[in-house]
């Protein structure tokens, strides 16, 4: 949920629930700002399921496919392997 006042709250889980565990769920809330010209937004995490994330800022790129937003993380390298992820959200506004 993102509101017009710049607050957000998200809960995300792996859509493959067959083997889902605690590592397949995350939640955070805080504030956000949008940079429309460069198509990204910044999340300032005020609370999180993971305490080490509180006080950090996360950058997410966004592209639009009709009324669906596709959020992409920056590429991360862990043990020499590059990865990123996408989350798609469809607008409920009519």
PDB file of N, CA and C in Angstrom:
ATOM      1  N   UNK A   1       0.843  -1.157   0.000  1.00  0.00           N
ATOM      2  CA  UNK A   1       0.000   0.000   0.000  1.00  0.00           C
ATOM      3  C   UNK A   1       0.895   1.228   0.000  1.00  0.00           C
ATOM      4  N   UNK A   2       0.671   2.091  -0.937  1.00  0.00           N
ATOM      5  CA  UNK A   2       1.356   3.383  -1.021  1.00  0.00           C
ATOM      6  C   UNK A   2       0.269   4.451  -0.988  1.00  0.00           C
ATOM      7  N   UNK A   3       0.371   5.410  -0.080  1.00  0.00           N
ATOM      8  CA  UNK A   3      -0.650   6.449  -0.043  1.00  0.00           C
ATOM      9  C   UNK A   3      -0.119   7.748  -0.654  1.00  0.00           C
ATOM     10  N   UNK A   4      -1.010   8.697  -0.851  1.00  0.00           N
ATOM     11  CA  UNK A   4      -0.647   9.972  -1.477  1.00  0.00           C
ATOM     12  C   UNK A   4       0.206  10.864  -0.585  1.00  0.00           C
ATOM     13  N   UNK A   5       0.301  10.544   0.711  1.00  0.00           N
ATOM     14  CA  UNK A   5       1.080  11.353   1.648  1.00  0.00           C
ATOM     15  C   UNK A   5       2.535  10.891   1.748  1.00  0.00           C
ATOM     16  N   UNK A   6       2.910   9.854   0.975  1.00  0.00           N
ATOM     17  CA  UNK A   6       4.289   9.397   0.977  1.00  0.00           C
ATOM     18  C   UNK A   6       4.596   8.300   1.978  1.00  0.00           C
ATOM     19  N   UNK A   7       3.569   7.614   2.466  1.00  0.00           N
ATOM     20  CA  UNK A   7       3.750   6.482   3.375  1.00  0.00           C
ATOM     21  C   UNK A   7       3.517   5.177   2.628  1.00  0.00           C
ATOM     22  N   UNK A   8       4.205   4.129   3.064  1.00  0.00           N
ATOM     23  CA  UNK A   8       3.974   2.835   2.445  1.00  0.00           C
ATOM     24  C   UNK A   8       4.001   1.735   3.497  1.00  0.00           C
ATOM     25  N   UNK A   9       3.400   0.623   3.165  1.00  0.00           N
ATOM     26  CA  UNK A   9       3.440  -0.586   3.966  1.00  0.00           C
ATOM     27  C   UNK A   9       3.327  -1.751   2.996  1.00  0.00           C
ATOM     28  N   UNK A  10       4.261  -2.703   3.083  1.00  0.00           N
ATOM     29  CA  UNK A  10       4.221  -3.852   2.174  1.00  0.00           C
ATOM     30  C   UNK A  10       4.441  -5.150   2.945  1.00  0.00           C
ATOM     31  N   UNK A  11       3.801  -6.192   2.458  1.00  0.00           N
ATOM     32  CA  UNK A  11       4.026  -7.557   2.912  1.00  0.00           C
ATOM     33  C   UNK A  11       4.167  -8.395   1.653  1.00  0.00           C
ATOM     34  N   UNK A  12       5.282  -9.094   1.533  1.00  0.00           N
ATOM     35  CA  UNK A  12       5.563  -9.860   0.328  1.00  0.00           C
ATOM     36  C   UNK A  12       5.882 -11.300   0.693  1.00  0.00           C
ATOM     37  N   UNK A  13       5.425 -12.219  -0.145  1.00  0.00           N
ATOM     38  CA  UNK A  13       5.725 -13.625   0.066  1.00  0.00           C
ATOM     39  C   UNK A  13       6.002 -14.287  -1.271  1.00  0.00           C
ATOM     40  N   UNK A  14       6.693 -15.392  -1.229  1.00  0.00           N
ATOM     41  CA  UNK A  14       6.963 -16.180  -2.429  1.00  0.00           C
ATOM     42  C   UNK A  14       5.637 -16.737  -2.934  1.00  0.00           C
ATOM     43  N   UNK A  15       5.307 -16.537  -4.219  1.00  0.00           N
ATOM     44  CA  UNK A  15       4.030 -17.056  -4.723  1.00  0.00           C
ATOM     45  C   UNK A  15       3.978 -18.590  -4.755  1.00  0.00           C
ATOM     46  N   UNK A  16       5.132 -19.246  -4.730  1.00  0.00           N
ATOM     47  CA  UNK A  16       5.172 -20.709  -4.668  1.00  0.00           C
ATOM     48  C   UNK A  16       5.082 -21.117  -3.206  1.00  0.00           C
ATOM     49  N   UNK A  17       3.874 -21.335  -2.733  1.00  0.00           N
ATOM     50  CA  UNK A  17       3.646 -21.632  -1.317  1.00  0.00           C
ATOM     51  C   UNK A  17       3.899 -23.096  -0.962  1.00  0.00           C
ATOM     52  N   UNK A  18       4.262 -23.946  -1.927  1.00  0.00           N
ATOM     53  CA  UNK A  18       4.429 -25.367  -1.649  1.00  0.00           C
ATOM     54  C   UNK A  18       5.566 -25.661  -0.677  1.00  0.00           C
ATOM     55  N   UNK A  19       6.646 -24.888  -0.738  1.00  0.00           N
ATOM     56  CA  UNK A  19       7.777 -25.075   0.170  1.00  0.00           C
ATOM     57  C   UNK A  19       8.117 -23.787   0.905  1.00  0.00           C
ATOM     58  N   UNK A  20       7.160 -22.907   1.079  1.00  0.00           N
ATOM     59  CA  UNK A  20       7.433 -21.594   1.671  1.00  0.00           C
ATOM     60  C   UNK A  20       7.819 -21.726   3.138  1.00  0.00           C
ATOM     61  N   UNK A  21       8.793 -20.921   3.518  1.00  0.00           N
ATOM     62  CA  UNK A  21       9.240 -20.865   4.905  1.00  0.00           C
ATOM     63  C   UNK A  21       9.444 -19.423   5.301  1.00  0.00           C
ATOM     64  N   UNK A  22       9.975 -19.193   6.494  1.00  0.00           N
ATOM     65  CA  UNK A  22      10.172 -17.814   6.967  1.00  0.00           C
ATOM     66  C   UNK A  22      11.020 -16.953   6.032  1.00  0.00           C
ATOM     67  N   UNK A  23      11.955 -17.553   5.312  1.00  0.00           N
ATOM     68  CA  UNK A  23      12.802 -16.777   4.398  1.00  0.00           C
ATOM     69  C   UNK A  23      12.034 -16.304   3.168  1.00  0.00           C
ATOM     70  N   UNK A  24      10.840 -16.834   2.943  1.00  0.00           N
ATOM     71  CA  UNK A  24      10.040 -16.482   1.771  1.00  0.00           C
ATOM     72  C   UNK A  24       9.010 -15.404   2.067  1.00  0.00           C
ATOM     73  N   UNK A  25       9.154 -14.704   3.195  1.00  0.00           N
ATOM     74  CA  UNK A  25       8.209 -13.668   3.589  1.00  0.00           C
ATOM     75  C   UNK A  25       8.982 -12.463   4.095  1.00  0.00           C
ATOM     76  N   UNK A  26       8.528 -11.275   3.726  1.00  0.00           N
ATOM     77  CA  UNK A  26       9.121 -10.053   4.264  1.00  0.00           C
ATOM     78  C   UNK A  26       8.041  -8.993   4.402  1.00  0.00           C
ATOM     79  N   UNK A  27       8.287  -8.048   5.260  1.00  0.00           N
ATOM     80  CA  UNK A  27       7.354  -6.946   5.469  1.00  0.00           C
ATOM     81  C   UNK A  27       8.151  -5.720   5.902  1.00  0.00           C
ATOM     82  N   UNK A  28       7.699  -4.555   5.457  1.00  0.00           N
ATOM     83  CA  UNK A  28       8.319  -3.306   5.900  1.00  0.00           C
ATOM     84  C   UNK A  28       7.329  -2.171   5.744  1.00  0.00           C
ATOM     85  N   UNK A  29       7.639  -1.053   6.400  1.00  0.00           N
ATOM     86  CA  UNK A  29       6.819   0.152   6.290  1.00  0.00           C
ATOM     87  C   UNK A  29       7.708   1.360   6.523  1.00  0.00           C
ATOM     88  N   UNK A  30       7.235   2.491   6.039  1.00  0.00           N
ATOM     89  CA  UNK A  30       7.987   3.725   6.184  1.00  0.00           C
ATOM     90  C   UNK A  30       7.478   4.780   5.242  1.00  0.00           C
ATOM     91  N   UNK A  31       8.386   5.533   4.652  1.00  0.00           N
ATOM     92  CA  UNK A  31       8.027   6.600   3.720  1.00  0.00           C
ATOM     93  C   UNK A  31       8.711   6.360   2.382  1.00  0.00           C
ATOM     94  N   UNK A  32       8.213   7.049   1.351  1.00  0.00           N
ATOM     95  CA  UNK A  32       8.809   6.905   0.023  1.00  0.00           C
ATOM     96  C   UNK A  32       8.814   8.234  -0.704  1.00  0.00           C
ATOM     97  N   UNK A  33       9.728   8.368  -1.659  1.00  0.00           N
ATOM     98  CA  UNK A  33       9.754   9.490  -2.592  1.00  0.00           C
ATOM     99  C   UNK A  33       9.919   8.917  -3.990  1.00  0.00           C
ATOM    100  N   UNK A  34       9.349   9.620  -4.970  1.00  0.00           N
ATOM    101  CA  UNK A  34       9.361   9.163  -6.355  1.00  0.00           C
ATOM    102  C   UNK A  34      10.197  10.109  -7.200  1.00  0.00           C
ATOM    103  N   UNK A  35      11.032   9.554  -8.067  1.00  0.00           N
ATOM    104  CA  UNK A  35      11.755  10.330  -9.075  1.00  0.00           C
ATOM    105  C   UNK A  35      11.177   9.920 -10.432  1.00  0.00           C
ATOM    106  N   UNK A  36      10.177  10.661 -10.891  1.00  0.00           N
ATOM    107  CA  UNK A  36       9.474  10.289 -12.121  1.00  0.00           C
ATOM    108  C   UNK A  36      10.366  10.350 -13.354  1.00  0.00           C
ATOM    109  N   UNK A  37      11.267  11.330 -13.419  1.00  0.00           N
ATOM    110  CA  UNK A  37      12.094  11.483 -14.617  1.00  0.00           C
ATOM    111  C   UNK A  37      13.036  10.306 -14.818  1.00  0.00           C
ATOM    112  N   UNK A  38      13.525   9.709 -13.718  1.00  0.00           N
ATOM    113  CA  UNK A  38      14.443   8.577 -13.837  1.00  0.00           C
ATOM    114  C   UNK A  38      13.767   7.242 -13.535  1.00  0.00           C
ATOM    115  N   UNK A  39      12.469   7.260 -13.300  1.00  0.00           N
ATOM    116  CA  UNK A  39      11.633   6.086 -13.075  1.00  0.00           C
ATOM    117  C   UNK A  39      12.135   5.178 -11.946  1.00  0.00           C
ATOM    118  N   UNK A  40      12.321   5.766 -10.771  1.00  0.00           N
ATOM    119  CA  UNK A  40      12.615   4.963  -9.594  1.00  0.00           C
ATOM    120  C   UNK A  40      11.999   5.628  -8.378  1.00  0.00           C
ATOM    121  N   UNK A  41      11.940   4.894  -7.288  1.00  0.00           N
ATOM    122  CA  UNK A  41      11.532   5.481  -6.028  1.00  0.00           C
ATOM    123  C   UNK A  41      12.432   4.962  -4.924  1.00  0.00           C
ATOM    124  N   UNK A  42      12.484   5.717  -3.842  1.00  0.00           N
ATOM    125  CA  UNK A  42      13.301   5.366  -2.684  1.00  0.00           C
ATOM    126  C   UNK A  42      12.390   5.076  -1.503  1.00  0.00           C
ATOM    127  N   UNK A  43      12.597   3.933  -0.892  1.00  0.00           N
ATOM    128  CA  UNK A  43      11.877   3.559   0.312  1.00  0.00           C
ATOM    129  C   UNK A  43      12.771   3.828   1.515  1.00  0.00           C
ATOM    130  N   UNK A  44      12.293   4.565   2.482  1.00  0.00           N
ATOM    131  CA  UNK A  44      13.004   4.769   3.748  1.00  0.00           C
ATOM    132  C   UNK A  44      12.326   3.865   4.777  1.00  0.00           C
ATOM    133  N   UNK A  45      13.013   2.810   5.178  1.00  0.00           N
ATOM    134  CA  UNK A  45      12.433   1.800   6.047  1.00  0.00           C
ATOM    135  C   UNK A  45      12.443   2.264   7.501  1.00  0.00           C
ATOM    136  N   UNK A  46      11.244   2.473   8.043  1.00  0.00           N
ATOM    137  CA  UNK A  46      11.090   2.866   9.439  1.00  0.00           C
ATOM    138  C   UNK A  46      10.822   1.651  10.319  1.00  0.00           C
ATOM    139  N   UNK A  47      10.338   0.577   9.721  1.00  0.00           N
ATOM    140  CA  UNK A  47      10.092  -0.678  10.422  1.00  0.00           C
ATOM    141  C   UNK A  47      10.230  -1.817   9.436  1.00  0.00           C
ATOM    142  N   UNK A  48      10.657  -2.978   9.929  1.00  0.00           N
ATOM    143  CA  UNK A  48      10.882  -4.112   9.042  1.00  0.00           C
ATOM    144  C   UNK A  48      10.856  -5.399   9.844  1.00  0.00           C
ATOM    145  N   UNK A  49      10.497  -6.482   9.183  1.00  0.00           N
ATOM    146  CA  UNK A  49      10.597  -7.797   9.777  1.00  0.00           C
ATOM    147  C   UNK A  49      12.050  -8.118  10.118  1.00  0.00           C
ATOM    148  N   UNK A  50      12.978  -7.490   9.401  1.00  0.00           N
ATOM    149  CA  UNK A  50      14.408  -7.681   9.616  1.00  0.00           C
ATOM    150  C   UNK A  50      14.982  -6.421  10.260  1.00  0.00           C
ATOM    151  N   UNK A  51      15.285  -6.449  11.551  1.00  0.00           N
ATOM    152  CA  UNK A  51      15.730  -5.244  12.266  1.00  0.00           C
ATOM    153  C   UNK A  51      16.928  -4.546  11.628  1.00  0.00           C
ATOM    154  N   UNK A  52      17.827  -5.295  10.980  1.00  0.00           N
ATOM    155  CA  UNK A  52      19.002  -4.676  10.362  1.00  0.00           C
ATOM    156  C   UNK A  52      18.634  -3.765   9.186  1.00  0.00           C
ATOM    157  N   UNK A  53      17.418  -3.883   8.682  1.00  0.00           N
ATOM    158  CA  UNK A  53      16.968  -3.039   7.569  1.00  0.00           C
ATOM    159  C   UNK A  53      16.405  -1.694   8.030  1.00  0.00           C
ATOM    160  N   UNK A  54      16.017  -1.587   9.293  1.00  0.00           N
ATOM    161  CA  UNK A  54      15.433  -0.345   9.816  1.00  0.00           C
ATOM    162  C   UNK A  54      16.463   0.778   9.713  1.00  0.00           C
ATOM    163  N   UNK A  55      16.027   1.907   9.160  1.00  0.00           N
ATOM    164  CA  UNK A  55      16.911   3.055   8.980  1.00  0.00           C
ATOM    165  C   UNK A  55      17.644   3.065   7.649  1.00  0.00           C
ATOM    166  N   UNK A  56      17.453   2.033   6.832  1.00  0.00           N
ATOM    167  CA  UNK A  56      18.114   1.995   5.530  1.00  0.00           C
ATOM    168  C   UNK A  56      17.185   2.546   4.453  1.00  0.00           C
ATOM    169  N   UNK A  57      17.733   2.757   3.277  1.00  0.00           N
ATOM    170  CA  UNK A  57      16.977   3.217   2.118  1.00  0.00           C
ATOM    171  C   UNK A  57      17.133   2.201   0.997  1.00  0.00           C
ATOM    172  N   UNK A  58      16.026   1.851   0.365  1.00  0.00           N
ATOM    173  CA  UNK A  58      16.042   0.898  -0.741  1.00  0.00           C
ATOM    174  C   UNK A  58      15.588   1.604  -2.019  1.00  0.00           C
ATOM    175  N   UNK A  59      16.347   1.432  -3.095  1.00  0.00           N
ATOM    176  CA  UNK A  59      16.008   2.030  -4.386  1.00  0.00           C
ATOM    177  C   UNK A  59      15.344   0.968  -5.252  1.00  0.00           C
ATOM    178  N   UNK A  60      14.217   1.319  -5.856  1.00  0.00           N
ATOM    179  CA  UNK A  60      13.494   0.410  -6.743  1.00  0.00           C
ATOM    180  C   UNK A  60      13.179   1.123  -8.049  1.00  0.00           C
ATOM    181  N   UNK A  61      13.530   0.508  -9.137  1.00  0.00           N
ATOM    182  CA  UNK A  61      13.166   1.027 -10.457  1.00  0.00           C
ATOM    183  C   UNK A  61      11.743   0.567 -10.765  1.00  0.00           C
ATOM    184  N   UNK A  62      11.021   1.390 -11.516  1.00  0.00           N
ATOM    185  CA  UNK A  62       9.643   1.033 -11.849  1.00  0.00           C
ATOM    186  C   UNK A  62       9.390   1.299 -13.323  1.00  0.00           C
ATOM    187  N   UNK A  63       8.742   0.350 -13.965  1.00  0.00           N
ATOM    188  CA  UNK A  63       8.237   0.533 -15.330  1.00  0.00           C
ATOM    189  C   UNK A  63       6.754   0.188 -15.295  1.00  0.00           C
ATOM    190  N   UNK A  64       6.021   0.745 -16.239  1.00  0.00           N
ATOM    191  CA  UNK A  64       4.575   0.530 -16.282  1.00  0.00           C
ATOM    192  C   UNK A  64       4.201  -0.271 -17.511  1.00  0.00           C
ATOM    193  N   UNK A  65       3.323  -1.222 -17.319  1.00  0.00           N
ATOM    194  CA  UNK A  65       2.704  -1.996 -18.395  1.00  0.00           C
ATOM    195  C   UNK A  65       1.198  -1.848 -18.214  1.00  0.00           C
ATOM    196  N   UNK A  66       0.664  -0.801 -18.826  1.00  0.00           N
ATOM    197  CA  UNK A  66      -0.750  -0.490 -18.607  1.00  0.00           C
ATOM    198  C   UNK A  66      -0.950  -0.033 -17.173  1.00  0.00           C
ATOM    199  N   UNK A  67      -1.842  -0.710 -16.426  1.00  0.00           N
ATOM    200  CA  UNK A  67      -2.069  -0.352 -15.025  1.00  0.00           C
ATOM    201  C   UNK A  67      -1.273  -1.233 -14.060  1.00  0.00           C
ATOM    202  N   UNK A  68      -0.253  -1.912 -14.591  1.00  0.00           N
ATOM    203  CA  UNK A  68       0.594  -2.772 -13.766  1.00  0.00           C
ATOM    204  C   UNK A  68       1.984  -2.152 -13.631  1.00  0.00           C
ATOM    205  N   UNK A  69       2.433  -2.005 -12.392  1.00  0.00           N
ATOM    206  CA  UNK A  69       3.779  -1.493 -12.114  1.00  0.00           C
ATOM    207  C   UNK A  69       4.719  -2.676 -11.916  1.00  0.00           C
ATOM    208  N   UNK A  70       5.893  -2.603 -12.545  1.00  0.00           N
ATOM    209  CA  UNK A  70       6.914  -3.635 -12.381  1.00  0.00           C
ATOM    210  C   UNK A  70       8.091  -2.996 -11.654  1.00  0.00           C
ATOM    211  N   UNK A  71       8.333  -3.431 -10.426  1.00  0.00           N
ATOM    212  CA  UNK A  71       9.415  -2.916  -9.588  1.00  0.00           C
ATOM    213  C   UNK A  71      10.604  -3.868  -9.702  1.00  0.00           C
ATOM    214  N   UNK A  72      11.767  -3.316  -9.975  1.00  0.00           N
ATOM    215  CA  UNK A  72      12.978  -4.113 -10.137  1.00  0.00           C
ATOM    216  C   UNK A  72      14.042  -3.638  -9.163  1.00  0.00           C
ATOM    217  N   UNK A  73      14.668  -4.579  -8.484  1.00  0.00           N
ATOM    218  CA  UNK A  73      15.749  -4.230  -7.560  1.00  0.00           C
ATOM    219  C   UNK A  73      17.026  -3.978  -8.339  1.00  0.00           C
ATOM    220  N   UNK A  74      17.975  -3.282  -7.707  1.00  0.00           N
ATOM    221  CA  UNK A  74      19.306  -3.168  -8.281  1.00  0.00           C
ATOM    222  C   UNK A  74      19.960  -4.545  -8.260  1.00  0.00           C
ATOM    223  N   UNK A  75      20.893  -4.776  -9.165  1.00  0.00           N
ATOM    224  CA  UNK A  75      21.603  -6.045  -9.206  1.00  0.00           C
ATOM    225  C   UNK A  75      22.488  -6.180  -7.975  1.00  0.00           C
ATOM    226  N   UNK A  76      22.433  -7.354  -7.367  1.00  0.00           N
ATOM    227  CA  UNK A  76      23.266  -7.674  -6.216  1.00  0.00           C
ATOM    228  C   UNK A  76      24.188  -8.827  -6.587  1.00  0.00           C
ATOM    229  N   UNK A  77      25.382  -8.849  -6.021  1.00  0.00           N
ATOM    230  CA  UNK A  77      26.320  -9.941  -6.247  1.00  0.00           C
ATOM    231  C   UNK A  77      26.566 -10.635  -4.912  1.00  0.00           C
ATOM    232  N   UNK A  78      26.212 -11.910  -4.862  1.00  0.00           N
ATOM    233  CA  UNK A  78      26.420 -12.714  -3.659  1.00  0.00           C
ATOM    234  C   UNK A  78      27.219 -13.945  -4.069  1.00  0.00           C
ATOM    235  N   UNK A  79      28.385 -14.100  -3.477  1.00  0.00           N
ATOM    236  CA  UNK A  79      29.277 -15.218  -3.781  1.00  0.00           C
ATOM    237  C   UNK A  79      29.533 -15.339  -5.289  1.00  0.00           C
ATOM    238  N   UNK A  80      29.722 -14.183  -5.934  1.00  0.00           N
ATOM    239  CA  UNK A  80      30.050 -14.150  -7.349  1.00  0.00           C
ATOM    240  C   UNK A  80      28.883 -14.323  -8.295  1.00  0.00           C
ATOM    241  N   UNK A  81      27.672 -14.432  -7.777  1.00  0.00           N
ATOM    242  CA  UNK A  81      26.479 -14.627  -8.610  1.00  0.00           C
ATOM    243  C   UNK A  81      25.639 -13.363  -8.584  1.00  0.00           C
ATOM    244  N   UNK A  82      25.364 -12.800  -9.775  1.00  0.00           N
ATOM    245  CA  UNK A  82      24.524 -11.611  -9.883  1.00  0.00           C
ATOM    246  C   UNK A  82      23.051 -12.009  -9.854  1.00  0.00           C
ATOM    247  N   UNK A  83      22.251 -11.220  -9.143  1.00  0.00           N
ATOM    248  CA  UNK A  83      20.815 -11.478  -9.124  1.00  0.00           C
ATOM    249  C   UNK A  83      20.066 -10.184  -8.878  1.00  0.00           C
ATOM    250  N   UNK A  84      18.824 -10.173  -9.296  1.00  0.00           N
ATOM    251  CA  UNK A  84      17.888  -9.119  -8.950  1.00  0.00           C
ATOM    252  C   UNK A  84      16.501  -9.735  -8.981  1.00  0.00           C
ATOM    253  N   UNK A  85      15.506  -8.986  -8.595  1.00  0.00           N
ATOM    254  CA  UNK A  85      14.162  -9.539  -8.589  1.00  0.00           C
ATOM    255  C   UNK A  85      13.173  -8.513  -9.083  1.00  0.00           C
ATOM    256  N   UNK A  86      12.025  -9.022  -9.524  1.00  0.00           N
ATOM    257  CA  UNK A  86      10.923  -8.185  -9.988  1.00  0.00           C
ATOM    258  C   UNK A  86       9.693  -8.490  -9.165  1.00  0.00           C
ATOM    259  N   UNK A  87       8.929  -7.440  -8.900  1.00  0.00           N
ATOM    260  CA  UNK A  87       7.636  -7.571  -8.240  1.00  0.00           C
ATOM    261  C   UNK A  87       6.637  -6.817  -9.102  1.00  0.00           C
ATOM    262  N   UNK A  88       5.504  -7.423  -9.402  1.00  0.00           N
ATOM    263  CA  UNK A  88       4.492  -6.738 -10.207  1.00  0.00           C
ATOM    264  C   UNK A  88       3.264  -6.459  -9.339  1.00  0.00           C
ATOM    265  N   UNK A  89       2.764  -5.228  -9.452  1.00  0.00           N
ATOM    266  CA  UNK A  89       1.567  -4.808  -8.737  1.00  0.00           C
ATOM    267  C   UNK A  89       0.614  -4.181  -9.729  1.00  0.00           C
ATOM    268  N   UNK A  90      -0.653  -4.525  -9.597  1.00  0.00           N
ATOM    269  CA  UNK A  90      -1.679  -3.929 -10.435  1.00  0.00           C
ATOM    270  C   UNK A  90      -2.455  -2.910  -9.623  1.00  0.00           C
ATOM    271  N   UNK A  91      -2.691  -1.750 -10.214  1.00  0.00           N
ATOM    272  CA  UNK A  91      -3.406  -0.677  -9.547  1.00  0.00           C
ATOM    273  C   UNK A  91      -4.867  -1.078  -9.311  1.00  0.00           C
ATOM    274  N   UNK A  92      -5.392  -0.723  -8.149  1.00  0.00           N
ATOM    275  CA  UNK A  92      -6.797  -0.993  -7.835  1.00  0.00           C
ATOM    276  C   UNK A  92      -7.667   0.239  -8.063  1.00  0.00           C
ATOM    277  N   UNK A  93      -7.037   1.343  -8.433  1.00  0.00           N
ATOM    278  CA  UNK A  93      -7.818   2.554  -8.702  1.00  0.00           C
ATOM    279  C   UNK A  93      -8.551   2.390 -10.019  1.00  0.00           C
ATOM    280  N   UNK A  94      -9.757   2.852 -10.053  1.00  0.00           N
ATOM    281  CA  UNK A  94     -10.539   2.682 -11.259  1.00  0.00           C
ATOM    282  C   UNK A  94     -10.733   3.906 -12.053  1.00  0.00           C
TER     283      UNK A  94
END
